[in-house]
Amino acid sequence: MEKQTTTLTATKKKKSRRKNILNSWQLYLLILPAFAFFLVFHYGPMYGVQIAFKNYMPSLGIWGSPWVGFKHFTKFFESYYFWDLLKNTLGISIYSLVFGFPIPILLALALNEIKDGSFKKTIQTVTYAPHFISTVVIVGMIIAFLSPTSGIINHGLEALGFEGKAFMEDPRWFRTIYVLSGVWQSTGWNSVIYMAALSGVDSQLHEAATIDGASRIQRLWYINLPVLVPTMVILLIMNFGGIMSLGHEKILLMQNPLNMPTSNVISTFTYQQGLLDAQYSYAAAIGLFNSVINSILLITVNKISSKLNDVSLW
């Protein structure tokens, strides 16, 4: 009897689900191109991940290459550069997160308080503009500004009585230059999503708080900031999910033999091993290790967030 009831319930659920799909077919049709895109360009290439467990030879193809188990992973973990790569990658990522995450929030809160429309638009344009400059141009500007002979930064330091520095050749300055240039380039653009969240704040709340004698700082703290919390948490979770995935383009452009002790990260090492040295299986193993760590961090932080404040990605 109990088995029949369970079967009947499952059948009803299946019919209900089918009915919902038929009733909302337009929405499923709308999502179909995005689904196909991810299927073809994101999940399809994962077929090649198996070469991380093989000794890949182009002449034999992916299927024909011999299996070697975890040999490439072990080689990477036991290599003398493993800890340096991990330290450099985490160091730059955490540095970027600490400085790059709160500044767009502060900018959005400040812009939200500006009532002069033309001044506000000018600030927004000035802060958004660096986002549209290509990475190559950004790095070119950094190198020109920091040049020990003709750079404006060193001229300024010398004018103030300080000694000029070869910033790009000093490994101690690499992380700071990378992070601060990234903050300058992305702060304005990243503040857009917080501005959108702030636009949803009911103006009557501010009016009521003002009548009750709340100061501007108190309204910002008790009305605006709580509205931003769900957005902040979601973006923080997503940032943790990519903490090991530093883009290699900008680092490669800024890299030189003198700053290698701090500029050599996992993504640039993967590029060198895979594309320059043709060690495809080894590079695939390093990339897979990176992705697994990112996935674990994403799931862990998402789980913690859902337990602490009921805000999570899923």
Protein backbone atom coordinates (compact mmCIF):
# COMPACT_ATOMS: atom_id res chain seq x y z
CA MET A 1 0.00 0.00 0.00
CA GLU A 2 2.81 2.38 0.98
CA LYS A 3 4.72 1.48 -2.19
CA GLN A 4 1.65 2.24 -4.34
CA THR A 5 1.23 5.63 -2.63
CA THR A 6 4.89 6.50 -3.25
CA THR A 7 4.61 5.51 -6.92
CA LEU A 8 1.43 7.55 -7.31
CA THR A 9 3.08 10.62 -5.74
CA ALA A 10 6.12 10.29 -8.01
CA THR A 11 3.86 10.02 -11.09
CA LYS A 12 1.94 13.13 -10.06
CA LYS A 13 5.17 15.08 -9.57
CA LYS A 14 6.41 14.00 -12.98
CA LYS A 15 3.17 15.09 -14.65
CA SER A 16 3.22 18.38 -12.78
CA ARG A 17 6.82 19.05 -13.86
CA ARG A 18 5.99 18.23 -17.47
CA LYS A 19 2.98 20.53 -17.33
CA ASN A 20 5.09 23.37 -15.92
CA ILE A 21 7.65 22.95 -18.71
CA LEU A 22 4.92 23.02 -21.38
CA ASN A 23 3.32 26.10 -19.82
CA SER A 24 6.67 27.93 -19.70
CA TRP A 25 8.12 26.72 -23.02
CA GLN A 26 8.95 30.32 -24.04
CA LEU A 27 11.31 30.68 -21.06
CA TYR A 28 13.03 27.38 -21.83
CA LEU A 29 13.40 28.49 -25.46
CA LEU A 30 14.95 31.75 -24.26
CA ILE A 31 17.52 29.95 -22.13
CA LEU A 32 18.37 27.42 -24.85
CA PRO A 33 21.16 29.49 -26.59
CA ALA A 34 22.92 30.13 -23.26
CA PHE A 35 22.61 26.44 -22.35
CA ALA A 36 24.02 25.43 -25.75
CA PHE A 37 26.89 27.91 -25.37
CA PHE A 38 27.96 26.45 -22.03
CA LEU A 39 27.48 22.91 -23.30
CA VAL A 40 29.65 23.43 -26.38
CA PHE A 41 32.33 25.84 -25.15
CA HIS A 42 32.60 24.99 -21.45
CA TYR A 43 31.58 21.36 -20.91
CA GLY A 44 32.61 20.01 -24.34
CA PRO A 45 36.32 20.89 -23.95
CA MET A 46 36.36 19.09 -20.57
CA TYR A 47 36.70 15.94 -22.64
CA GLY A 48 40.38 16.88 -22.99
CA VAL A 49 40.96 16.99 -19.22
CA GLN A 50 41.81 13.29 -19.33
CA ILE A 51 45.25 14.09 -20.78
CA ALA A 52 46.19 15.20 -17.24
CA PHE A 53 46.18 11.48 -16.41
CA LYS A 54 47.92 10.42 -19.63
CA ASN A 55 51.27 10.89 -21.28
CA TYR A 56 49.77 12.77 -24.18
CA MET A 57 51.36 12.33 -27.59
CA PRO A 58 49.85 14.26 -30.52
CA SER A 59 50.60 11.41 -32.93
CA LEU A 60 48.51 8.98 -30.82
CA GLY A 61 45.71 11.39 -29.98
CA ILE A 62 43.88 11.71 -26.68
CA TRP A 63 42.39 8.21 -26.73
CA GLY A 64 45.56 6.49 -27.92
CA SER A 65 47.97 8.08 -25.43
CA PRO A 66 49.00 5.83 -22.52
CA TRP A 67 47.55 6.29 -19.03
CA VAL A 68 50.03 7.36 -16.33
CA GLY A 69 47.70 7.96 -13.37
CA PHE A 70 48.71 10.82 -11.06
CA LYS A 71 52.31 11.02 -12.31
CA HIS A 72 52.03 14.66 -13.51
CA PHE A 73 50.31 15.77 -10.30
CA THR A 74 53.03 14.15 -8.20
CA LYS A 75 55.72 15.75 -10.35
CA PHE A 76 54.17 19.18 -9.76
CA PHE A 77 53.67 18.71 -6.01
CA GLU A 78 57.25 17.46 -5.54
CA SER A 79 58.85 20.15 -7.70
CA TYR A 80 60.97 22.75 -5.92
CA TYR A 81 58.91 25.64 -7.40
CA PHE A 82 55.51 24.33 -6.16
CA TRP A 83 55.41 26.29 -2.89
CA ASP A 84 56.75 29.46 -4.52
CA LEU A 85 54.03 29.30 -7.19
CA LEU A 86 51.33 28.65 -4.59
CA LYS A 87 52.59 31.45 -2.33
CA ASN A 88 52.79 33.95 -5.22
CA THR A 89 49.34 33.03 -6.54
CA LEU A 90 47.62 33.20 -3.16
CA GLY A 91 49.57 36.30 -2.17
CA ILE A 92 48.46 38.32 -5.21
CA SER A 93 44.88 36.98 -5.06
CA ILE A 94 44.37 37.73 -1.36
CA TYR A 95 46.06 41.12 -1.74
CA SER A 96 43.69 41.92 -4.64
CA LEU A 97 40.67 40.72 -2.65
CA VAL A 98 41.54 42.75 0.47
CA PHE A 99 42.07 46.00 -1.44
CA GLY A 100 39.94 45.46 -4.54
CA PHE A 101 36.73 44.22 -2.90
CA PRO A 102 35.76 47.04 -0.46
CA ILE A 103 36.78 50.03 -2.63
CA PRO A 104 33.93 49.66 -5.21
CA ILE A 105 31.47 49.48 -2.29
CA LEU A 106 32.83 52.69 -0.80
CA LEU A 107 32.76 54.37 -4.20
CA ALA A 108 29.13 53.31 -4.79
CA LEU A 109 28.09 54.59 -1.35
CA ALA A 110 29.88 57.88 -1.97
CA LEU A 111 28.38 58.32 -5.45
CA ASN A 112 24.94 57.57 -4.05
CA GLU A 113 25.31 60.51 -1.66
CA ILE A 114 26.22 63.00 -4.41
CA LYS A 115 23.17 65.02 -5.39
CA ASP A 116 24.79 67.19 -8.07
CA GLY A 117 23.92 65.30 -11.28
CA SER A 118 26.64 66.67 -13.58
CA PHE A 119 29.39 66.24 -10.98
CA LYS A 120 28.20 62.69 -10.26
CA LYS A 121 28.24 61.79 -13.97
CA THR A 122 31.73 63.23 -14.34
CA ILE A 123 33.04 61.13 -11.45
CA GLN A 124 31.32 58.03 -12.84
CA THR A 125 32.80 58.58 -16.32
CA VAL A 126 36.29 59.15 -14.93
CA THR A 127 36.15 56.02 -12.77
CA TYR A 128 34.53 53.80 -15.44
CA ALA A 129 36.91 54.81 -18.25
CA PRO A 130 39.96 52.70 -17.19
CA HIS A 131 37.85 49.53 -17.52
CA PHE A 132 37.72 50.04 -21.31
CA ILE A 133 41.48 50.40 -21.73
CA SER A 134 43.13 47.22 -22.98
CA THR A 135 45.51 45.31 -20.71
CA VAL A 136 48.39 45.92 -23.13
CA VAL A 137 47.88 49.68 -22.95
CA ILE A 138 47.52 49.57 -19.16
CA VAL A 139 50.81 47.72 -18.77
CA GLY A 140 52.48 50.10 -21.24
CA MET A 141 51.31 53.04 -19.14
CA ILE A 142 52.54 51.38 -15.93
CA ILE A 143 56.00 50.75 -17.40
CA ALA A 144 56.19 54.33 -18.77
CA PHE A 145 55.06 55.93 -15.49
CA LEU A 146 57.45 53.80 -13.40
CA SER A 147 60.48 54.08 -15.65
CA PRO A 148 63.59 54.82 -13.50
CA THR A 149 64.87 57.36 -16.08
CA SER A 150 61.81 59.06 -17.59
CA GLY A 151 58.85 57.92 -15.45
CA ILE A 152 56.64 60.59 -13.89
CA ILE A 153 56.59 58.73 -10.55
CA ASN A 154 60.36 58.79 -10.20
CA HIS A 155 60.51 62.44 -11.29
CA GLY A 156 57.99 63.22 -8.56
CA LEU A 157 59.97 61.27 -5.96
CA GLU A 158 63.20 63.04 -6.93
CA ALA A 159 61.47 66.42 -6.77
CA LEU A 160 60.44 65.61 -3.21
CA GLY A 161 64.00 64.66 -2.29
CA PHE A 162 63.63 60.87 -2.44
CA GLU A 163 65.77 58.51 -4.42
CA GLY A 164 64.29 57.07 -7.63
CA LYS A 165 63.45 53.35 -7.76
CA ALA A 166 63.41 50.75 -10.49
CA PHE A 167 59.95 49.56 -9.45
CA MET A 168 59.44 47.01 -12.24
CA GLU A 169 62.81 45.36 -11.55
CA ASP A 170 62.22 45.04 -7.80
CA PRO A 171 60.26 41.85 -6.87
CA ARG A 172 59.07 43.49 -3.63
CA TRP A 173 57.03 46.02 -5.62
CA PHE A 174 55.44 43.63 -8.12
CA ARG A 175 52.36 42.67 -6.04
CA THR A 176 51.63 46.27 -5.07
CA ILE A 177 51.91 47.52 -8.65
CA TYR A 178 49.74 44.67 -9.95
CA VAL A 179 47.04 45.11 -7.30
CA LEU A 180 46.87 48.91 -7.34
CA SER A 181 46.75 49.08 -11.14
CA GLY A 182 43.94 46.49 -11.04
CA VAL A 183 42.05 48.52 -8.45
CA TRP A 184 42.41 51.65 -10.57
CA GLN A 185 41.18 49.82 -13.68
CA SER A 186 38.21 47.97 -12.18
CA THR A 187 36.88 49.99 -9.22
CA GLY A 188 34.50 52.18 -11.22
CA TRP A 189 33.13 49.31 -13.26
CA ASN A 190 32.68 47.04 -10.24
CA SER A 191 30.77 49.77 -8.41
CA VAL A 192 28.00 49.65 -11.05
CA ILE A 193 26.37 46.58 -9.54
CA TYR A 194 26.34 48.20 -6.07
CA MET A 195 24.87 51.38 -7.53
CA ALA A 196 22.12 49.26 -9.07
CA ALA A 197 21.39 47.69 -5.68
CA LEU A 198 21.30 51.11 -3.99
CA SER A 199 18.82 52.40 -6.58
CA GLY A 200 16.30 49.95 -5.09
CA VAL A 201 16.33 51.62 -1.67
CA ASP A 202 12.95 53.15 -0.87
CA SER A 203 13.39 56.94 -0.54
CA GLN A 204 10.64 56.97 2.12
CA LEU A 205 13.02 55.13 4.45
CA HIS A 206 15.52 57.98 4.18
CA GLU A 207 12.77 60.58 4.64
CA ALA A 208 11.46 58.82 7.76
CA ALA A 209 14.99 58.46 9.15
CA THR A 210 15.73 62.13 8.49
CA ILE A 211 12.55 63.16 10.31
CA ASP A 212 13.64 60.97 13.24
CA GLY A 213 16.93 62.88 13.37
CA ALA A 214 19.24 60.30 11.77
CA SER A 215 22.48 61.75 10.40
CA ARG A 216 23.78 60.99 6.91
CA ILE A 217 26.29 58.49 8.31
CA GLN A 218 23.55 56.73 10.31
CA ARG A 219 21.30 56.48 7.24
CA LEU A 220 24.20 55.13 5.23
CA TRP A 221 25.02 52.57 7.93
CA TYR A 222 21.49 51.42 8.83
CA ILE A 223 19.69 51.75 5.47
CA ASN A 224 22.10 51.66 2.51
CA LEU A 225 24.67 49.20 3.79
CA PRO A 226 22.18 46.41 4.74
CA VAL A 227 20.74 46.62 1.21
CA LEU A 228 24.20 45.90 -0.21
CA VAL A 229 24.94 42.93 2.04
CA PRO A 230 23.36 40.18 -0.16
CA THR A 231 25.16 41.54 -3.25
CA MET A 232 28.43 41.78 -1.33
CA VAL A 233 28.13 38.21 -0.08
CA ILE A 234 27.36 36.79 -3.55
CA LEU A 235 30.28 38.65 -5.14
CA LEU A 236 32.59 37.61 -2.29
CA ILE A 237 31.66 33.96 -2.80
CA MET A 238 32.35 34.28 -6.52
CA ASN A 239 35.69 35.96 -5.82
CA PHE A 240 36.71 33.09 -3.54
CA GLY A 241 35.78 30.68 -6.33
CA GLY A 242 38.38 32.29 -8.57
CA ILE A 243 41.10 32.94 -6.01
CA MET A 244 43.55 30.56 -7.73
CA SER A 245 42.69 31.78 -11.25
CA LEU A 246 44.80 34.84 -11.74
CA GLY A 247 44.74 35.97 -15.34
CA HIS A 248 48.11 35.32 -16.95
CA GLU A 249 47.97 38.06 -19.63
CA LYS A 250 48.73 41.07 -17.45
CA ILE A 251 51.30 39.22 -15.34
CA LEU A 252 53.14 38.00 -18.42
CA LEU A 253 53.25 41.54 -19.80
CA MET A 254 54.59 42.91 -16.50
CA GLN A 255 56.98 40.03 -15.91
CA ASN A 256 60.74 40.25 -16.41
CA PRO A 257 63.65 38.08 -15.18
CA LEU A 258 64.30 40.40 -12.22
CA ASN A 259 60.79 40.27 -10.71
CA MET A 260 60.25 36.54 -11.35
CA PRO A 261 60.56 35.59 -7.64
CA THR A 262 57.15 37.20 -6.99
CA SER A 263 55.59 37.38 -10.47
CA ASN A 264 55.76 33.69 -11.35
CA VAL A 265 52.28 32.31 -10.56
CA ILE A 266 50.46 29.09 -11.43
CA SER A 267 48.67 30.50 -14.48
CA THR A 268 51.88 31.84 -16.07
CA PHE A 269 53.69 28.60 -15.22
CA THR A 270 50.89 26.60 -16.88
CA TYR A 271 51.18 28.78 -19.98
CA GLN A 272 54.95 28.29 -20.12
CA GLN A 273 54.79 24.54 -19.61
CA GLY A 274 51.85 23.94 -21.94
CA LEU A 275 52.32 26.29 -24.86
CA LEU A 276 56.03 27.13 -24.81
CA ASP A 277 57.52 23.80 -23.65
CA ALA A 278 54.77 21.59 -25.20
CA GLN A 279 54.28 19.59 -21.97
CA TYR A 280 50.54 19.33 -22.53
CA SER A 281 49.74 16.66 -19.95
CA TYR A 282 51.80 18.36 -17.26
CA ALA A 283 50.13 21.73 -17.93
CA ALA A 284 46.68 20.08 -17.95
CA ALA A 285 47.41 18.48 -14.56
CA ILE A 286 48.42 21.86 -13.08
CA GLY A 287 45.33 23.53 -14.53
CA LEU A 288 43.09 20.76 -13.20
CA PHE A 289 44.64 21.10 -9.73
CA ASN A 290 43.91 24.84 -9.88
CA SER A 291 40.28 24.25 -10.87
CA VAL A 292 39.71 21.65 -8.14
CA ILE A 293 41.03 24.04 -5.45
CA ASN A 294 38.78 26.80 -6.79
CA SER A 295 35.75 24.48 -6.75
CA ILE A 296 36.45 23.39 -3.17
CA LEU A 297 36.80 27.01 -2.04
CA LEU A 298 33.61 28.03 -3.83
CA ILE A 299 31.56 25.20 -2.33
CA THR A 300 33.01 25.73 1.16
CA VAL A 301 32.47 29.50 1.25
CA ASN A 302 29.00 29.11 -0.25
CA LYS A 303 28.11 26.55 2.44
CA ILE A 304 29.43 28.77 5.24
CA SER A 305 27.53 31.76 3.86
CA SER A 306 24.24 29.85 3.60
CA LYS A 307 24.56 28.78 7.24
CA LEU A 308 25.58 32.20 8.57
CA ASN A 309 23.19 34.54 6.75
CA ASP A 310 21.02 32.49 4.35
CA VAL A 311 22.65 34.12 1.31
CA SER A 312 24.25 31.72 -1.13
CA LEU A 313 24.65 30.92 -4.81
CA TRP A 314 22.51 27.81 -4.54
